[in-house]
Amino acid sequence: MTAVKVRVAQGTPCWVSLMAHDLEGAKAFYGPLLGWDFTPGPAELGCYVRASLHGAKVAGIGVAQAEPALPVEWTTYFAVDSADEVSARVRECGGTVAVGPLQSESAGRLAIAADLSGAFFGLWEGQEHLGWEVVGEPGAPVWNELVTNDEPLAATFYGSVLGRTVVEADPSALARGDEEATLQVDGHRVAGLRQTTDLRDGPPRWRVYFAVTDTDLTAGQTKMLGGSVLVAPYDTPYGRVARLADPEGGRFSVVRLP
């Protein structure tokens, strides 16, 4: 596998990062589960490592510096041309900028924000580090989807903040279980927005999907490594999916592509 280092257009998910309480525990879980190796990340981010798949960067894991009672969660980062300008639009549209914008050594400039429902997401203005270097292969990210209780409001917010088009699904797509809306860049679907009242989804958040070779085997390995299966493997038009959690409760999904 060859690492691909390209700058993606604004509004495209480009990185995912987990803020854990136990960094070594997270490495011991995700390393064998997804085939990751780890290298130190920028010092400004504190205890932070980058996960690599056969040498290609795919994700980050850091240590949460805030109140230990806060839940462990994965955060989806969107590529932006200017973290400062997009952060200003977040505030103009009623969202919150919780961190930054701040410089992360020569890697890039970042901010962490929350939408109107409280779902957190990141903004990444890549410089030396442009984001993940492989997607859609086993062990790498493959999809990001907002789970929200107000999809129309979320669609307006993200469309305005990122300056991109949000397209509603047609009735036939909804019948197949597709997202209710998709964030699109240059006519391509880059992320989903899904309305839900399923209590298992928890509060509004961005859900991260990783590709795997065998969904059922990965679900079994998750339990062996101390994690849990939130929703057992099931088939979808996009492949066989399972919703899982790491030992600290960090939620993520895996999918075996068709």
Protein backbone atom coordinates (compact mmCIF):
# COMPACT_ATOMS: atom_id res chain seq x y z
CA MET A 1 0.00 0.00 0.00
CA THR A 2 1.35 3.44 -0.98
CA ALA A 3 0.55 6.42 1.22
CA VAL A 4 -1.24 9.18 -0.69
CA LYS A 5 -0.53 12.73 0.48
CA VAL A 6 -2.92 15.16 -1.18
CA ARG A 7 -4.76 18.28 -0.10
CA VAL A 8 -8.52 17.71 -0.23
CA ALA A 9 -11.15 20.35 -0.89
CA GLN A 10 -12.73 22.32 1.93
CA GLY A 11 -15.61 20.48 3.58
CA THR A 12 -14.13 17.02 3.01
CA PRO A 13 -13.46 14.89 6.11
CA CYS A 14 -9.68 14.50 6.29
CA TRP A 15 -8.82 13.16 9.77
CA VAL A 16 -10.27 11.44 12.82
CA SER A 17 -8.94 11.70 16.34
CA LEU A 18 -9.79 10.00 19.63
CA MET A 19 -9.35 11.78 22.96
CA ALA A 20 -8.91 9.00 25.52
CA HIS A 21 -8.12 8.98 29.23
CA ASP A 22 -5.75 6.01 28.95
CA LEU A 23 -3.47 6.44 25.95
CA GLU A 24 -1.59 3.17 26.42
CA GLY A 25 -4.86 1.31 26.86
CA ALA A 26 -6.24 2.83 23.66
CA LYS A 27 -3.10 1.82 21.75
CA ALA A 28 -3.34 -1.71 23.14
CA PHE A 29 -6.94 -1.92 21.90
CA TYR A 30 -6.88 -0.26 18.49
CA GLY A 31 -3.42 -1.49 17.50
CA PRO A 32 -4.28 -5.18 17.24
CA LEU A 33 -7.92 -4.57 16.29
CA LEU A 34 -7.23 -2.40 13.23
CA GLY A 35 -3.58 -3.23 12.53
CA TRP A 36 -2.20 0.14 13.60
CA ASP A 37 1.31 1.23 14.56
CA PHE A 38 1.94 4.46 16.47
CA THR A 39 4.37 7.37 16.29
CA PRO A 40 4.53 10.57 18.41
CA GLY A 41 2.46 13.54 17.22
CA PRO A 42 2.96 17.31 17.66
CA ALA A 43 4.11 18.37 21.14
CA GLU A 44 1.48 21.16 21.29
CA LEU A 45 -1.21 18.49 21.51
CA GLY A 46 0.25 16.98 24.68
CA CYS A 47 0.30 13.19 24.90
CA TYR A 48 -0.70 12.47 21.31
CA VAL A 49 0.19 9.77 18.80
CA ARG A 50 -0.57 9.23 15.14
CA ALA A 51 -1.80 5.82 14.08
CA SER A 52 -0.40 4.38 10.86
CA LEU A 53 -1.46 1.49 8.67
CA HIS A 54 1.55 0.01 6.86
CA GLY A 55 3.26 3.39 7.10
CA ALA A 56 0.26 5.50 6.02
CA LYS A 57 -1.23 7.85 8.63
CA VAL A 58 -4.90 7.17 9.32
CA ALA A 59 -5.89 8.62 12.73
CA GLY A 60 -4.76 10.26 15.95
CA ILE A 61 -5.14 9.36 19.61
CA GLY A 62 -4.54 11.83 22.42
CA VAL A 63 -5.16 12.23 26.12
CA ALA A 64 -8.15 14.32 27.18
CA GLN A 65 -7.00 17.15 29.42
CA ALA A 66 -10.51 18.12 30.51
CA GLU A 67 -12.71 16.71 33.25
CA PRO A 68 -12.11 12.94 33.45
CA ALA A 69 -15.86 12.35 33.63
CA LEU A 70 -16.31 13.56 30.06
CA PRO A 71 -17.00 10.70 27.63
CA VAL A 72 -14.33 9.34 25.33
CA GLU A 73 -15.30 10.11 21.72
CA TRP A 74 -13.94 10.08 18.19
CA THR A 75 -13.86 13.47 16.43
CA THR A 76 -14.18 13.99 12.67
CA TYR A 77 -12.05 16.79 11.20
CA PHE A 78 -12.99 18.67 8.03
CA ALA A 79 -10.41 20.15 5.69
CA VAL A 80 -10.63 23.95 5.50
CA ASP A 81 -8.72 26.60 3.60
CA SER A 82 -8.56 28.83 6.68
CA ALA A 83 -9.27 27.56 10.20
CA ASP A 84 -9.68 31.17 11.40
CA GLU A 85 -12.26 32.11 8.76
CA VAL A 86 -14.32 28.94 9.16
CA SER A 87 -14.18 29.23 12.97
CA ALA A 88 -15.65 32.72 12.62
CA ARG A 89 -18.49 31.28 10.48
CA VAL A 90 -19.15 28.63 13.14
CA ARG A 91 -19.82 31.43 15.64
CA GLU A 92 -21.86 33.44 13.12
CA CYS A 93 -24.08 30.39 12.55
CA GLY A 94 -24.69 29.87 16.28
CA GLY A 95 -22.14 27.14 16.94
CA THR A 96 -19.34 27.11 19.49
CA VAL A 97 -15.57 27.07 19.01
CA ALA A 98 -14.25 25.14 21.98
CA VAL A 99 -10.54 25.01 21.11
CA GLY A 100 -8.41 27.26 18.92
CA PRO A 101 -7.79 28.05 16.22
CA LEU A 102 -4.26 27.12 17.19
CA GLN A 103 -1.06 26.15 15.42
CA SER A 104 0.13 22.53 15.68
CA GLU A 105 3.85 22.94 14.99
CA SER A 106 4.38 22.91 11.21
CA ALA A 107 1.67 20.25 10.73
CA GLY A 108 -1.21 22.70 10.36
CA ARG A 109 -3.78 24.84 12.10
CA LEU A 110 -6.78 23.41 13.93
CA ALA A 111 -9.94 24.21 15.80
CA ILE A 112 -12.52 22.09 17.58
CA ALA A 113 -16.12 23.27 17.42
CA ALA A 114 -19.65 22.17 18.25
CA ASP A 115 -22.77 22.54 16.12
CA LEU A 116 -26.16 23.77 17.34
CA SER A 117 -27.03 20.37 18.82
CA GLY A 118 -23.71 20.03 20.65
CA ALA A 119 -22.04 17.56 18.26
CA PHE A 120 -18.28 18.19 18.21
CA PHE A 121 -16.20 18.31 15.04
CA GLY A 122 -12.76 19.53 14.04
CA LEU A 123 -11.40 21.94 11.45
CA TRP A 124 -8.01 21.22 9.91
CA GLU A 125 -5.99 23.65 7.79
CA GLY A 126 -3.29 21.27 6.67
CA GLN A 127 0.25 22.42 6.06
CA GLU A 128 2.90 19.71 6.36
CA HIS A 129 0.28 17.21 7.56
CA LEU A 130 -2.67 17.17 5.16
CA GLY A 131 -4.68 14.43 6.87
CA TRP A 132 -5.14 10.71 6.50
CA GLU A 133 -3.05 9.09 3.80
CA VAL A 134 -5.28 6.14 2.96
CA VAL A 135 -9.04 5.53 3.19
CA GLY A 136 -11.39 2.69 2.38
CA GLU A 137 -8.88 -0.09 3.04
CA PRO A 138 -9.10 -2.47 6.04
CA GLY A 139 -7.97 -0.57 9.12
CA ALA A 140 -8.52 2.87 7.56
CA PRO A 141 -11.44 5.32 7.83
CA VAL A 142 -14.12 4.87 5.19
CA TRP A 143 -17.09 7.10 6.16
CA ASN A 144 -18.23 9.80 8.59
CA GLU A 145 -21.86 10.36 9.50
CA LEU A 146 -23.58 12.87 11.76
CA VAL A 147 -26.20 11.31 14.04
CA THR A 148 -28.58 14.11 15.00
CA ASN A 149 -32.07 14.79 16.32
CA ASP A 150 -32.54 17.73 13.91
CA GLU A 151 -31.20 16.88 10.46
CA PRO A 152 -32.67 19.95 8.67
CA LEU A 153 -31.02 22.30 11.17
CA ALA A 154 -27.72 20.41 10.88
CA ALA A 155 -27.90 20.53 7.08
CA THR A 156 -28.28 24.31 7.12
CA PHE A 157 -25.48 24.72 9.67
CA TYR A 158 -22.83 22.58 7.97
CA GLY A 159 -23.72 23.84 4.50
CA SER A 160 -23.25 27.43 5.67
CA VAL A 161 -20.14 26.85 7.78
CA LEU A 162 -18.26 24.78 5.22
CA GLY A 163 -19.64 26.53 2.15
CA ARG A 164 -20.76 23.24 0.62
CA THR A 165 -23.98 21.71 -0.65
CA VAL A 166 -26.14 19.44 1.50
CA VAL A 167 -28.43 17.20 -0.58
CA GLU A 168 -31.52 15.55 0.85
CA ALA A 169 -32.08 11.87 0.03
CA ASP A 170 -35.02 10.92 -2.19
CA PRO A 171 -37.75 8.59 -0.83
CA SER A 172 -36.30 5.50 -2.52
CA ALA A 173 -32.93 6.13 -0.89
CA LEU A 174 -34.54 6.52 2.51
CA ALA A 175 -36.35 3.21 2.00
CA ARG A 176 -32.98 1.55 1.48
CA GLY A 177 -31.71 2.94 4.78
CA ASP A 178 -29.47 5.63 3.28
CA GLU A 179 -28.54 8.82 5.10
CA GLU A 180 -31.30 11.40 5.12
CA ALA A 181 -28.88 13.97 3.70
CA THR A 182 -25.33 14.05 2.41
CA LEU A 183 -22.68 16.73 2.51
CA GLN A 184 -21.29 17.04 -1.00
CA VAL A 185 -18.13 18.53 -2.46
CA ASP A 186 -18.02 19.07 -6.22
CA GLY A 187 -20.95 16.68 -6.61
CA HIS A 188 -19.37 13.88 -4.57
CA ARG A 189 -20.81 12.53 -1.30
CA VAL A 190 -18.25 13.08 1.46
CA ALA A 191 -20.30 12.66 4.66
CA GLY A 192 -23.77 11.73 5.84
CA LEU A 193 -26.36 13.38 8.09
CA ARG A 194 -28.87 11.04 9.69
CA GLN A 195 -31.93 11.82 11.79
CA THR A 196 -32.34 9.38 14.66
CA THR A 197 -34.28 8.85 17.87
CA ASP A 198 -32.46 5.59 18.68
CA LEU A 199 -31.32 5.86 22.30
CA ARG A 200 -28.36 3.63 21.50
CA ASP A 201 -26.93 6.47 19.40
CA GLY A 202 -26.55 8.67 22.48
CA PRO A 203 -26.40 12.47 22.10
CA PRO A 204 -25.76 14.05 18.68
CA ARG A 205 -22.27 13.24 17.40
CA TRP A 206 -20.19 12.40 14.38
CA ARG A 207 -19.95 8.63 13.90
CA VAL A 208 -16.68 7.29 12.45
CA TYR A 209 -16.58 4.12 10.30
CA PHE A 210 -13.44 2.03 9.74
CA ALA A 211 -13.18 -0.58 6.98
CA VAL A 212 -12.47 -4.17 8.02
CA THR A 213 -12.09 -7.49 6.20
CA ASP A 214 -14.60 -9.33 8.42
CA THR A 215 -17.19 -7.46 10.49
CA ASP A 216 -18.19 -10.45 12.61
CA LEU A 217 -14.58 -11.34 13.40
CA THR A 218 -13.82 -7.72 14.34
CA ALA A 219 -16.84 -7.66 16.67
CA GLY A 220 -15.54 -10.79 18.37
CA GLN A 221 -12.04 -9.35 18.68
CA THR A 222 -13.48 -6.18 20.17
CA LYS A 223 -14.92 -8.16 23.08
CA MET A 224 -11.70 -10.15 23.52
CA LEU A 225 -9.76 -6.87 23.78
CA GLY A 226 -12.07 -5.49 26.47
CA GLY A 227 -14.44 -3.50 24.30
CA SER A 228 -18.13 -4.05 23.68
CA VAL A 229 -20.55 -4.61 20.81
CA LEU A 230 -23.26 -1.93 20.86
CA VAL A 231 -25.10 -3.21 17.78
CA ALA A 232 -24.33 -6.68 16.44
CA PRO A 233 -23.22 -7.04 12.80
CA TYR A 234 -25.96 -6.41 10.25
CA ASP A 235 -26.14 -5.99 6.49
CA THR A 236 -26.66 -2.64 4.74
CA PRO A 237 -26.53 -1.51 1.10
CA TYR A 238 -22.97 -0.32 1.81
CA GLY A 239 -21.68 -3.51 3.45
CA ARG A 240 -21.89 -5.40 6.74
CA VAL A 241 -21.77 -3.00 9.69
CA ALA A 242 -21.28 -3.28 13.45
CA ARG A 243 -21.33 -0.52 16.06
CA LEU A 244 -18.68 -1.00 18.73
CA ALA A 245 -17.07 0.67 21.74
CA ASP A 246 -13.53 0.57 23.09
CA PRO A 247 -12.79 -0.28 26.76
CA GLU A 248 -13.31 3.37 27.78
CA GLY A 249 -16.62 3.62 25.93
CA GLY A 250 -15.36 5.40 22.81
CA ARG A 251 -17.90 4.55 20.10
CA PHE A 252 -17.02 3.72 16.50
CA SER A 253 -18.38 1.61 13.66
CA VAL A 254 -16.79 -0.88 11.31
CA VAL A 255 -17.93 -2.02 7.87
CA ARG A 256 -16.91 -4.77 5.50
CA LEU A 257 -17.33 -3.19 2.10
CA PRO A 258 -19.37 -5.12 -0.50
